[in-house]
Amino acid sequence: MQYILDASFFFAEHRLEGDLWTTPEVADEIRDHVSKMRFEVLTAEGLKIGGASPAEFAEVEAAAEKSGDLRVLSKTDISVIAFALASGGIVVSGDFAVQNVCRHLKIPVKSLLAKTAKKKVWKMLCSGCGAEIPTGETDCPICGAPPKKRGTEKRESGNKKRR
């Protein structure tokens, strides 16, 4: 199996068997002594670095914009998802926004946490009247109240919520 590691993988003790990859952006983000040592050991054991084309970056950004996660994803997060999209690898991450965008793009995810993110679409809703706030607006154009971020669970087709 090919695993694409995000930076959170290097911050804790995790073990994976398989073909391990990361991106140059992740490698640049690793600064603390322990994480650097872990990165160097894994590199000596065969960790590889790869990247994606601008087309994959654009596809990830479009999916993140649609899901509402773009404003919280870093360039490094996007690089990991884009490389997984290009290579067909499994993303390894503890970041719920990364996991959510992967789910929207049908990229397999292995969570570093006990819990995995559910597929959501994030929207900014008015805290006063409940209207959806357009991207880029700081206050509600209807009543002027500040927005709140709300996630709506996105169900896979055919899966209906049971009551």
N, C-alpha and C. Protein backbone atom coordinates (compact mmCIF):
# COMPACT_ATOMS: atom_id res chain seq x y z
N MET A 1 0.83 -1.19 0.00
CA MET A 1 0.00 0.00 0.00
C MET A 1 0.87 1.24 0.00
N GLN A 2 0.42 2.25 -0.71
CA GLN A 2 1.14 3.51 -0.77
C GLN A 2 0.44 4.51 0.16
N TYR A 3 1.19 5.02 1.13
CA TYR A 3 0.67 5.99 2.08
C TYR A 3 1.31 7.35 1.83
N ILE A 4 0.47 8.39 1.84
CA ILE A 4 0.94 9.77 1.69
C ILE A 4 0.80 10.41 3.07
N LEU A 5 1.93 10.76 3.68
CA LEU A 5 1.95 11.23 5.06
C LEU A 5 1.88 12.75 5.13
N ASP A 6 0.99 13.25 5.99
CA ASP A 6 1.00 14.69 6.23
C ASP A 6 1.91 14.96 7.44
N ALA A 7 2.11 16.22 7.76
CA ALA A 7 3.07 16.59 8.81
C ALA A 7 2.72 15.99 10.17
N SER A 8 1.44 15.82 10.46
CA SER A 8 1.04 15.31 11.77
C SER A 8 1.59 13.91 12.03
N PHE A 9 1.87 13.15 10.99
CA PHE A 9 2.43 11.82 11.15
C PHE A 9 3.78 11.86 11.86
N PHE A 10 4.56 12.89 11.60
CA PHE A 10 5.92 12.98 12.13
C PHE A 10 5.96 13.55 13.56
N PHE A 11 4.84 14.06 14.05
CA PHE A 11 4.81 14.68 15.37
C PHE A 11 4.53 13.68 16.49
N ALA A 12 4.22 12.45 16.16
CA ALA A 12 3.90 11.44 17.18
C ALA A 12 4.47 10.09 16.75
N GLU A 13 4.37 9.13 17.62
CA GLU A 13 4.87 7.78 17.35
C GLU A 13 3.82 6.97 16.61
N HIS A 14 4.00 6.82 15.32
CA HIS A 14 3.11 5.99 14.50
C HIS A 14 3.98 5.07 13.68
N ARG A 15 3.48 3.89 13.41
CA ARG A 15 4.20 2.93 12.57
C ARG A 15 3.27 2.50 11.45
N LEU A 16 3.80 2.46 10.25
CA LEU A 16 3.05 1.97 9.10
C LEU A 16 3.95 1.06 8.28
N GLU A 17 3.39 0.03 7.76
CA GLU A 17 4.11 -0.85 6.85
C GLU A 17 3.59 -0.55 5.45
N GLY A 18 4.50 -0.35 4.53
CA GLY A 18 4.11 -0.09 3.16
C GLY A 18 5.02 0.92 2.53
N ASP A 19 4.61 1.42 1.41
CA ASP A 19 5.36 2.40 0.62
C ASP A 19 5.02 3.79 1.16
N LEU A 20 5.95 4.42 1.87
CA LEU A 20 5.69 5.71 2.52
C LEU A 20 6.19 6.87 1.67
N TRP A 21 5.32 7.86 1.50
CA TRP A 21 5.62 9.06 0.72
C TRP A 21 5.18 10.30 1.49
N THR A 22 5.77 11.42 1.17
CA THR A 22 5.31 12.71 1.64
C THR A 22 5.62 13.73 0.56
N THR A 23 5.37 15.00 0.83
CA THR A 23 5.61 16.05 -0.17
C THR A 23 6.73 16.97 0.30
N PRO A 24 7.32 17.73 -0.62
CA PRO A 24 8.36 18.69 -0.23
C PRO A 24 7.84 19.72 0.78
N GLU A 25 6.57 20.09 0.66
CA GLU A 25 5.98 21.06 1.59
C GLU A 25 5.95 20.51 3.01
N VAL A 26 5.65 19.22 3.16
CA VAL A 26 5.66 18.59 4.48
C VAL A 26 7.09 18.57 5.02
N ALA A 27 8.03 18.17 4.18
CA ALA A 27 9.44 18.11 4.61
C ALA A 27 9.91 19.49 5.10
N ASP A 28 9.50 20.55 4.42
CA ASP A 28 9.89 21.91 4.82
C ASP A 28 9.23 22.34 6.12
N GLU A 29 8.07 21.77 6.43
CA GLU A 29 7.31 22.17 7.62
C GLU A 29 7.84 21.53 8.90
N ILE A 30 8.60 20.48 8.79
CA ILE A 30 9.10 19.76 9.96
C ILE A 30 10.30 20.51 10.52
N ARG A 31 10.14 21.07 11.72
CA ARG A 31 11.19 21.91 12.28
C ARG A 31 11.69 21.47 13.64
N ASP A 32 10.82 20.88 14.47
CA ASP A 32 11.28 20.52 15.81
C ASP A 32 12.21 19.30 15.75
N HIS A 33 13.07 19.21 16.73
CA HIS A 33 14.15 18.22 16.75
C HIS A 33 13.63 16.77 16.65
N VAL A 34 12.64 16.42 17.45
CA VAL A 34 12.13 15.05 17.47
C VAL A 34 11.51 14.67 16.13
N SER A 35 10.71 15.56 15.56
CA SER A 35 10.06 15.28 14.28
C SER A 35 11.09 15.17 13.16
N LYS A 36 12.13 16.02 13.20
CA LYS A 36 13.19 15.94 12.19
C LYS A 36 13.92 14.61 12.27
N MET A 37 14.20 14.16 13.49
CA MET A 37 14.87 12.87 13.65
C MET A 37 14.00 11.75 13.11
N ARG A 38 12.73 11.79 13.42
CA ARG A 38 11.79 10.77 12.92
C ARG A 38 11.75 10.79 11.39
N PHE A 39 11.72 11.99 10.81
CA PHE A 39 11.72 12.14 9.35
C PHE A 39 13.00 11.53 8.76
N GLU A 40 14.14 11.82 9.36
CA GLU A 40 15.43 11.31 8.87
C GLU A 40 15.50 9.78 8.97
N VAL A 41 15.01 9.22 10.07
CA VAL A 41 15.01 7.76 10.22
C VAL A 41 14.12 7.13 9.14
N LEU A 42 12.93 7.68 8.94
CA LEU A 42 12.03 7.13 7.93
C LEU A 42 12.60 7.29 6.53
N THR A 43 13.31 8.40 6.27
CA THR A 43 13.95 8.60 4.97
C THR A 43 15.01 7.53 4.75
N ALA A 44 15.78 7.24 5.78
CA ALA A 44 16.80 6.18 5.69
C ALA A 44 16.15 4.82 5.45
N GLU A 45 14.93 4.63 5.94
CA GLU A 45 14.21 3.37 5.77
C GLU A 45 13.42 3.31 4.46
N GLY A 46 13.45 4.40 3.66
CA GLY A 46 12.80 4.35 2.35
C GLY A 46 11.70 5.36 2.10
N LEU A 47 11.43 6.26 3.03
CA LEU A 47 10.44 7.32 2.79
C LEU A 47 10.84 8.11 1.55
N LYS A 48 9.88 8.34 0.66
CA LYS A 48 10.15 9.08 -0.57
C LYS A 48 9.36 10.39 -0.58
N ILE A 49 9.84 11.33 -1.39
CA ILE A 49 9.17 12.62 -1.53
C ILE A 49 8.69 12.77 -2.96
N GLY A 50 7.44 13.17 -3.11
CA GLY A 50 6.87 13.36 -4.43
C GLY A 50 5.89 14.52 -4.42
N GLY A 51 5.48 14.92 -5.60
CA GLY A 51 4.57 16.05 -5.71
C GLY A 51 3.53 15.83 -6.79
N ALA A 52 2.68 16.81 -6.94
CA ALA A 52 1.58 16.74 -7.90
C ALA A 52 1.70 17.88 -8.91
N SER A 53 0.92 17.79 -9.95
CA SER A 53 0.91 18.82 -10.99
C SER A 53 -0.03 19.96 -10.58
N PRO A 54 0.09 21.09 -11.24
CA PRO A 54 -0.84 22.19 -10.97
C PRO A 54 -2.31 21.80 -11.17
N ALA A 55 -2.56 20.86 -12.08
CA ALA A 55 -3.94 20.42 -12.32
C ALA A 55 -4.53 19.74 -11.09
N GLU A 56 -3.73 18.91 -10.41
CA GLU A 56 -4.21 18.25 -9.19
C GLU A 56 -4.41 19.27 -8.07
N PHE A 57 -3.48 20.23 -7.96
CA PHE A 57 -3.64 21.29 -6.95
C PHE A 57 -4.95 22.03 -7.19
N ALA A 58 -5.24 22.36 -8.44
CA ALA A 58 -6.47 23.09 -8.78
C ALA A 58 -7.70 22.25 -8.46
N GLU A 59 -7.65 20.95 -8.72
CA GLU A 59 -8.79 20.07 -8.42
C GLU A 59 -9.04 19.99 -6.92
N VAL A 60 -7.96 19.91 -6.14
CA VAL A 60 -8.10 19.87 -4.68
C VAL A 60 -8.66 21.19 -4.16
N GLU A 61 -8.14 22.30 -4.66
CA GLU A 61 -8.64 23.61 -4.22
C GLU A 61 -10.12 23.78 -4.56
N ALA A 62 -10.54 23.32 -5.73
CA ALA A 62 -11.95 23.40 -6.11
C ALA A 62 -12.82 22.55 -5.18
N ALA A 63 -12.36 21.35 -4.86
CA ALA A 63 -13.12 20.48 -3.95
C ALA A 63 -13.16 21.09 -2.55
N ALA A 64 -12.04 21.68 -2.10
CA ALA A 64 -11.99 22.30 -0.78
C ALA A 64 -12.88 23.53 -0.71
N GLU A 65 -12.96 24.27 -1.80
CA GLU A 65 -13.85 25.44 -1.86
C GLU A 65 -15.30 24.96 -1.77
N LYS A 66 -15.62 23.91 -2.50
CA LYS A 66 -16.99 23.37 -2.51
C LYS A 66 -17.38 22.81 -1.14
N SER A 67 -16.42 22.16 -0.45
CA SER A 67 -16.72 21.58 0.86
C SER A 67 -16.68 22.61 1.98
N GLY A 68 -16.10 23.79 1.70
CA GLY A 68 -15.99 24.84 2.72
C GLY A 68 -14.73 24.74 3.55
N ASP A 69 -13.79 23.87 3.17
CA ASP A 69 -12.57 23.66 3.93
C ASP A 69 -11.39 24.49 3.44
N LEU A 70 -11.51 25.15 2.30
CA LEU A 70 -10.36 25.84 1.70
C LEU A 70 -9.75 26.87 2.64
N ARG A 71 -10.58 27.59 3.37
CA ARG A 71 -10.05 28.66 4.24
C ARG A 71 -9.22 28.12 5.41
N VAL A 72 -9.33 26.83 5.74
CA VAL A 72 -8.55 26.27 6.86
C VAL A 72 -7.41 25.36 6.41
N LEU A 73 -7.33 25.06 5.12
CA LEU A 73 -6.25 24.21 4.63
C LEU A 73 -5.02 25.04 4.30
N SER A 74 -3.85 24.52 4.67
CA SER A 74 -2.60 25.18 4.31
C SER A 74 -2.15 24.67 2.94
N LYS A 75 -1.15 25.33 2.38
CA LYS A 75 -0.57 24.88 1.11
C LYS A 75 -0.01 23.46 1.29
N THR A 76 0.53 23.19 2.47
CA THR A 76 1.07 21.86 2.76
C THR A 76 -0.05 20.82 2.74
N ASP A 77 -1.18 21.12 3.37
CA ASP A 77 -2.33 20.20 3.37
C ASP A 77 -2.77 19.91 1.94
N ILE A 78 -2.87 20.96 1.14
CA ILE A 78 -3.31 20.81 -0.25
C ILE A 78 -2.31 19.96 -1.04
N SER A 79 -1.00 20.13 -0.75
CA SER A 79 0.02 19.35 -1.46
C SER A 79 -0.13 17.85 -1.18
N VAL A 80 -0.46 17.51 0.07
CA VAL A 80 -0.64 16.10 0.44
C VAL A 80 -1.84 15.51 -0.29
N ILE A 81 -2.94 16.22 -0.28
CA ILE A 81 -4.15 15.73 -0.95
C ILE A 81 -3.92 15.63 -2.46
N ALA A 82 -3.28 16.65 -3.04
CA ALA A 82 -3.02 16.65 -4.48
C ALA A 82 -2.12 15.49 -4.89
N PHE A 83 -1.10 15.21 -4.07
CA PHE A 83 -0.22 14.09 -4.40
C PHE A 83 -0.96 12.76 -4.30
N ALA A 84 -1.83 12.62 -3.31
CA ALA A 84 -2.63 11.40 -3.19
C ALA A 84 -3.57 11.26 -4.39
N LEU A 85 -4.12 12.36 -4.84
CA LEU A 85 -4.99 12.35 -6.01
C LEU A 85 -4.20 11.90 -7.24
N ALA A 86 -2.97 12.40 -7.38
CA ALA A 86 -2.13 12.06 -8.53
C ALA A 86 -1.63 10.62 -8.49
N SER A 87 -1.33 10.14 -7.30
CA SER A 87 -0.66 8.84 -7.17
C SER A 87 -1.60 7.68 -6.83
N GLY A 88 -2.81 8.00 -6.37
CA GLY A 88 -3.73 6.96 -5.95
C GLY A 88 -3.43 6.41 -4.57
N GLY A 89 -2.63 7.14 -3.79
CA GLY A 89 -2.25 6.70 -2.46
C GLY A 89 -3.32 6.97 -1.41
N ILE A 90 -3.06 6.48 -0.21
CA ILE A 90 -3.93 6.66 0.95
C ILE A 90 -3.35 7.79 1.79
N VAL A 91 -4.14 8.80 2.09
CA VAL A 91 -3.68 9.92 2.92
C VAL A 91 -3.70 9.50 4.38
N VAL A 92 -2.60 9.79 5.09
CA VAL A 92 -2.50 9.52 6.52
C VAL A 92 -2.45 10.87 7.21
N SER A 93 -3.50 11.19 7.98
CA SER A 93 -3.61 12.51 8.58
C SER A 93 -4.50 12.49 9.82
N GLY A 94 -4.22 13.39 10.72
CA GLY A 94 -5.07 13.59 11.88
C GLY A 94 -5.93 14.83 11.72
N ASP A 95 -5.83 15.50 10.59
CA ASP A 95 -6.53 16.76 10.34
C ASP A 95 -7.90 16.48 9.72
N PHE A 96 -8.97 16.89 10.41
CA PHE A 96 -10.32 16.63 9.92
C PHE A 96 -10.62 17.33 8.59
N ALA A 97 -10.08 18.53 8.38
CA ALA A 97 -10.32 19.23 7.11
C ALA A 97 -9.67 18.47 5.95
N VAL A 98 -8.46 17.98 6.16
CA VAL A 98 -7.78 17.17 5.14
C VAL A 98 -8.61 15.92 4.86
N GLN A 99 -9.05 15.25 5.91
CA GLN A 99 -9.85 14.03 5.74
C GLN A 99 -11.15 14.33 4.99
N ASN A 100 -11.79 15.45 5.31
CA ASN A 100 -13.06 15.79 4.67
C ASN A 100 -12.87 16.03 3.18
N VAL A 101 -11.85 16.79 2.80
CA VAL A 101 -11.61 17.04 1.37
C VAL A 101 -11.28 15.73 0.66
N CYS A 102 -10.51 14.88 1.30
CA CYS A 102 -10.23 13.56 0.71
C CYS A 102 -11.52 12.79 0.47
N ARG A 103 -12.42 12.82 1.42
CA ARG A 103 -13.70 12.11 1.25
C ARG A 103 -14.47 12.68 0.05
N HIS A 104 -14.45 14.00 -0.12
CA HIS A 104 -15.13 14.61 -1.26
C HIS A 104 -14.51 14.17 -2.58
N LEU A 105 -13.19 13.93 -2.58
CA LEU A 105 -12.49 13.51 -3.79
C LEU A 105 -12.38 11.99 -3.92
N LYS A 106 -13.00 11.27 -2.97
CA LYS A 106 -12.97 9.80 -2.95
C LYS A 106 -11.54 9.26 -2.84
N ILE A 107 -10.71 9.96 -2.06
CA ILE A 107 -9.35 9.52 -1.76
C ILE A 107 -9.40 8.77 -0.43
N PRO A 108 -8.87 7.56 -0.37
CA PRO A 108 -8.88 6.82 0.90
C PRO A 108 -8.06 7.55 1.97
N VAL A 109 -8.51 7.44 3.22
CA VAL A 109 -7.87 8.12 4.34
C VAL A 109 -7.63 7.15 5.47
N LYS A 110 -6.48 7.27 6.11
CA LYS A 110 -6.19 6.55 7.34
C LYS A 110 -5.99 7.63 8.40
N SER A 111 -6.87 7.65 9.38
CA SER A 111 -6.81 8.67 10.42
C SER A 111 -5.75 8.32 11.46
N LEU A 112 -5.07 9.34 11.96
CA LEU A 112 -4.12 9.15 13.05
C LEU A 112 -4.83 9.20 14.40
N LEU A 113 -6.09 9.54 14.38
CA LEU A 113 -6.88 9.63 15.60
C LEU A 113 -7.81 8.43 15.67
N ALA A 114 -8.38 8.22 16.84
CA ALA A 114 -9.33 7.11 17.00
C ALA A 114 -10.59 7.36 16.18
N LYS A 115 -10.89 8.62 15.94
CA LYS A 115 -12.10 9.03 15.25
C LYS A 115 -11.74 9.59 13.88
N THR A 116 -12.55 9.31 12.86
CA THR A 116 -12.33 9.90 11.54
C THR A 116 -13.41 10.92 11.25
N ALA A 117 -13.08 11.85 10.40
CA ALA A 117 -14.03 12.91 10.04
C ALA A 117 -15.15 12.34 9.17
N LYS A 118 -16.35 12.86 9.38
CA LYS A 118 -17.47 12.53 8.51
C LYS A 118 -17.44 13.52 7.35
N LYS A 119 -17.98 13.11 6.23
CA LYS A 119 -18.01 13.99 5.06
C LYS A 119 -18.98 15.13 5.33
N LYS A 120 -18.48 16.35 5.24
CA LYS A 120 -19.31 17.53 5.51
C LYS A 120 -19.10 18.59 4.45
N VAL A 121 -20.07 19.47 4.36
CA VAL A 121 -19.95 20.69 3.57
C VAL A 121 -20.09 21.83 4.57
N TRP A 122 -19.05 22.67 4.64
CA TRP A 122 -19.04 23.78 5.59
C TRP A 122 -19.61 25.02 4.94
N LYS A 123 -20.48 25.70 5.67
CA LYS A 123 -21.10 26.94 5.19
C LYS A 123 -21.03 27.97 6.30
N MET A 124 -20.99 29.22 5.90
CA MET A 124 -21.07 30.31 6.86
C MET A 124 -22.53 30.75 6.90
N LEU A 125 -23.13 30.65 8.10
CA LEU A 125 -24.52 31.04 8.27
C LEU A 125 -24.61 32.20 9.23
N CYS A 126 -25.59 33.06 9.02
CA CYS A 126 -25.79 34.22 9.87
C CYS A 126 -26.21 33.77 11.26
N SER A 127 -25.59 34.35 12.28
CA SER A 127 -25.95 34.02 13.66
C SER A 127 -27.27 34.66 14.07
N GLY A 128 -27.74 35.63 13.28
CA GLY A 128 -29.00 36.30 13.59
C GLY A 128 -30.18 35.70 12.88
N CYS A 129 -30.14 35.74 11.53
CA CYS A 129 -31.31 35.31 10.76
C CYS A 129 -31.15 33.93 10.12
N GLY A 130 -29.95 33.36 10.15
CA GLY A 130 -29.73 32.02 9.61
C GLY A 130 -29.47 31.95 8.12
N ALA A 131 -29.38 33.10 7.46
CA ALA A 131 -29.12 33.11 6.02
C ALA A 131 -27.70 32.64 5.74
N GLU A 132 -27.48 32.04 4.56
CA GLU A 132 -26.14 31.63 4.16
C GLU A 132 -25.37 32.89 3.74
N ILE A 133 -24.16 33.04 4.29
CA ILE A 133 -23.33 34.21 4.01
C ILE A 133 -22.44 33.90 2.82
N PRO A 134 -22.45 34.73 1.78
CA PRO A 134 -21.59 34.50 0.62
C PRO A 134 -20.11 34.55 1.00
N THR A 135 -19.28 33.79 0.28
CA THR A 135 -17.84 33.77 0.52
C THR A 135 -17.29 35.19 0.41
N GLY A 136 -16.44 35.55 1.35
CA GLY A 136 -15.80 36.86 1.34
C GLY A 136 -16.53 37.92 2.16
N GLU A 137 -17.78 37.67 2.52
CA GLU A 137 -18.54 38.63 3.33
C GLU A 137 -18.17 38.44 4.80
N THR A 138 -18.04 39.55 5.52
CA THR A 138 -17.70 39.46 6.94
C THR A 138 -18.94 39.50 7.82
N ASP A 139 -20.03 40.09 7.35
CA ASP A 139 -21.29 40.15 8.10
C ASP A 139 -22.44 39.81 7.16
N CYS A 140 -23.57 39.48 7.75
CA CYS A 140 -24.75 39.12 6.97
C CYS A 140 -25.23 40.32 6.15
N PRO A 141 -25.42 40.16 4.83
CA PRO A 141 -25.92 41.26 4.01
C PRO A 141 -27.40 41.57 4.28
N ILE A 142 -28.09 40.67 4.98
CA ILE A 142 -29.51 40.88 5.27
C ILE A 142 -29.71 41.63 6.58
N CYS A 143 -29.09 41.11 7.66
CA CYS A 143 -29.34 41.73 8.97
C CYS A 143 -28.10 42.32 9.63
N GLY A 144 -26.90 42.05 9.08
CA GLY A 144 -25.68 42.62 9.63
C GLY A 144 -25.03 41.85 10.76
N ALA A 145 -25.62 40.72 11.17
CA ALA A 145 -25.06 39.92 12.27
C ALA A 145 -23.82 39.16 11.78
N PRO A 146 -22.94 38.77 12.71
CA PRO A 146 -21.74 38.02 12.31
C PRO A 146 -22.08 36.57 11.91
N PRO A 147 -21.27 35.98 11.04
CA PRO A 147 -21.52 34.61 10.61
C PRO A 147 -20.96 33.58 11.59
N LYS A 148 -21.52 32.36 11.50
CA LYS A 148 -21.02 31.20 12.24
C LYS A 148 -20.79 30.09 11.23
N LYS A 149 -19.73 29.33 11.43
CA LYS A 149 -19.43 28.22 10.54
C LYS A 149 -20.27 27.02 10.96
N ARG A 150 -20.97 26.44 10.01
CA ARG A 150 -21.80 25.26 10.27
C ARG A 150 -21.49 24.19 9.23
N GLY A 151 -21.42 22.96 9.69
CA GLY A 151 -21.18 21.83 8.80
C GLY A 151 -22.44 21.03 8.62
N THR A 152 -22.73 20.67 7.40
CA THR A 152 -23.85 19.80 7.14
C THR A 152 -23.29 18.48 6.66
N GLU A 153 -23.75 17.39 7.27
CA GLU A 153 -23.24 16.07 6.90
C GLU A 153 -23.69 15.73 5.51
N LYS A 154 -22.76 15.26 4.72
CA LYS A 154 -23.05 14.88 3.34
C LYS A 154 -23.13 13.36 3.29
N ARG A 155 -24.32 12.83 3.03
CA ARG A 155 -24.49 11.38 2.97
C ARG A 155 -24.16 10.88 1.58
N GLU A 156 -23.59 9.68 1.53
CA GLU A 156 -23.34 9.04 0.25
C GLU A 156 -24.69 8.68 -0.36
N SER A 157 -24.81 8.68 -1.67
CA SER A 157 -26.08 8.37 -2.32
C SER A 157 -26.53 6.96 -1.93
N GLY A 158 -27.80 6.85 -1.64
CA GLY A 158 -28.36 5.57 -1.26
C GLY A 158 -28.37 5.33 0.25
N ASN A 159 -27.59 6.09 0.99
CA ASN A 159 -27.56 5.93 2.46
C ASN A 159 -28.50 6.96 3.07
N LYS A 160 -29.59 6.49 3.62
CA LYS A 160 -30.54 7.40 4.26
C LYS A 160 -30.40 7.27 5.76
N LYS A 161 -30.55 8.39 6.42
CA LYS A 161 -30.45 8.40 7.87
C LYS A 161 -31.68 7.70 8.46
N ARG A 162 -31.42 6.77 9.36
CA ARG A 162 -32.53 6.06 10.00
C ARG A 162 -32.97 6.80 11.23
N ARG A 163 -34.25 6.73 11.49
CA ARG A 163 -34.81 7.42 12.68
C ARG A 163 -35.21 6.43 13.69
